[in-house]
Amino acid sequence: MTTNAGMRESFEGTMKGILVRSVIACEKKCVQPSENDNLTNFERACLGKCFDKYYATYEKNLQGITAALKSSHKESDYDQNF
């Protein structure tokens, strides 16, 4: 049986993975390969918008999971029968 701590660690690992993959996805989408290390204003704006999109998804998922975990601690109608 998985403990709540184990479930939380698994979830955190998954969510961190999403954020890490978002960096790679945003770089591929926004930054053009070049010999110049400096980013253009367009590339910076594109990266910012892309990261914001992923972070908003991360926050939404985190809030949903947190709410689900809190509601699972409430007494169930079935608790009294077991």
Protein backbone atom coordinates (compact mmCIF):
# COMPACT_ATOMS: atom_id res chain seq x y z
CA MET A 1 0.00 0.00 0.00
CA THR A 2 1.37 3.39 -0.98
CA THR A 3 1.60 5.94 1.80
CA ASN A 4 0.49 9.54 1.48
CA ALA A 5 4.14 10.61 1.70
CA GLY A 6 5.02 8.26 -1.14
CA MET A 7 2.14 9.51 -3.23
CA ARG A 8 3.16 13.10 -2.56
CA GLU A 9 6.78 12.42 -3.54
CA SER A 10 5.63 10.70 -6.72
CA PHE A 11 3.35 13.61 -7.58
CA GLU A 12 6.08 16.17 -6.85
CA GLY A 13 8.50 14.24 -9.03
CA THR A 14 5.99 14.18 -11.86
CA MET A 15 5.24 17.88 -11.57
CA LYS A 16 8.95 18.78 -11.45
CA GLY A 17 9.42 16.66 -14.55
CA ILE A 18 6.73 18.67 -16.33
CA LEU A 19 8.51 21.91 -15.48
CA VAL A 20 11.89 20.55 -16.60
CA ARG A 21 10.43 19.31 -19.89
CA SER A 22 8.77 22.70 -20.37
CA VAL A 23 12.20 24.33 -20.48
CA ILE A 24 13.25 22.03 -23.31
CA ALA A 25 9.96 22.48 -25.16
CA CYS A 26 10.06 26.27 -24.80
CA GLU A 27 13.68 26.46 -25.96
CA LYS A 28 12.87 24.41 -29.05
CA LYS A 29 9.83 26.57 -29.77
CA CYS A 30 11.29 30.00 -29.08
CA VAL A 31 15.08 30.07 -29.47
CA GLN A 32 16.56 29.86 -32.91
CA PRO A 33 19.93 28.06 -33.17
CA SER A 34 22.74 30.55 -33.66
CA GLU A 35 26.33 31.19 -32.70
CA ASN A 36 25.24 34.21 -30.66
CA ASP A 37 24.53 33.48 -26.99
CA ASN A 38 22.36 36.58 -26.55
CA LEU A 39 18.59 36.23 -26.85
CA THR A 40 16.57 38.63 -28.94
CA ASN A 41 13.66 40.52 -27.41
CA PHE A 42 11.30 38.28 -29.38
CA GLU A 43 12.95 35.13 -28.01
CA ARG A 44 12.78 36.45 -24.43
CA ALA A 45 9.11 37.33 -24.80
CA CYS A 46 8.36 33.96 -26.38
CA LEU A 47 10.15 32.09 -23.57
CA GLY A 48 8.31 34.11 -20.93
CA LYS A 49 4.90 33.37 -22.44
CA CYS A 50 5.76 29.71 -22.94
CA PHE A 51 6.99 29.26 -19.36
CA ASP A 52 3.91 31.09 -18.03
CA LYS A 53 1.69 28.63 -19.90
CA TYR A 54 3.44 25.61 -18.39
CA TYR A 55 3.52 27.17 -14.93
CA ALA A 56 -0.21 27.93 -15.06
CA THR A 57 -0.88 24.28 -15.92
CA TYR A 58 1.42 23.20 -13.08
CA GLU A 59 -0.40 25.46 -10.59
CA LYS A 60 -3.83 24.27 -11.75
CA ASN A 61 -2.83 20.62 -11.34
CA LEU A 62 -1.24 21.30 -7.97
CA GLN A 63 -4.37 23.01 -6.66
CA GLY A 64 -6.56 20.15 -7.92
CA ILE A 65 -4.41 17.53 -6.23
CA THR A 66 -4.20 19.54 -3.01
CA ALA A 67 -7.99 19.89 -2.92
CA ALA A 68 -8.40 16.17 -3.57
CA LEU A 69 -6.00 15.27 -0.78
CA LYS A 70 -7.80 17.57 1.65
CA SER A 71 -11.18 16.13 0.75
CA SER A 72 -9.91 12.58 1.21
CA HIS A 73 -9.28 13.33 4.88
CA LYS A 74 -12.95 14.14 5.49
CA GLU A 75 -15.04 11.39 6.99
CA SER A 76 -16.77 9.33 4.39
CA ASP A 77 -20.35 8.06 4.65
CA TYR A 78 -18.87 4.58 4.40
CA ASP A 79 -16.44 5.00 7.32
CA GLN A 80 -19.07 4.24 9.93
CA ASN A 81 -19.95 0.94 8.24
CA PHE A 82 -16.43 -0.50 8.39
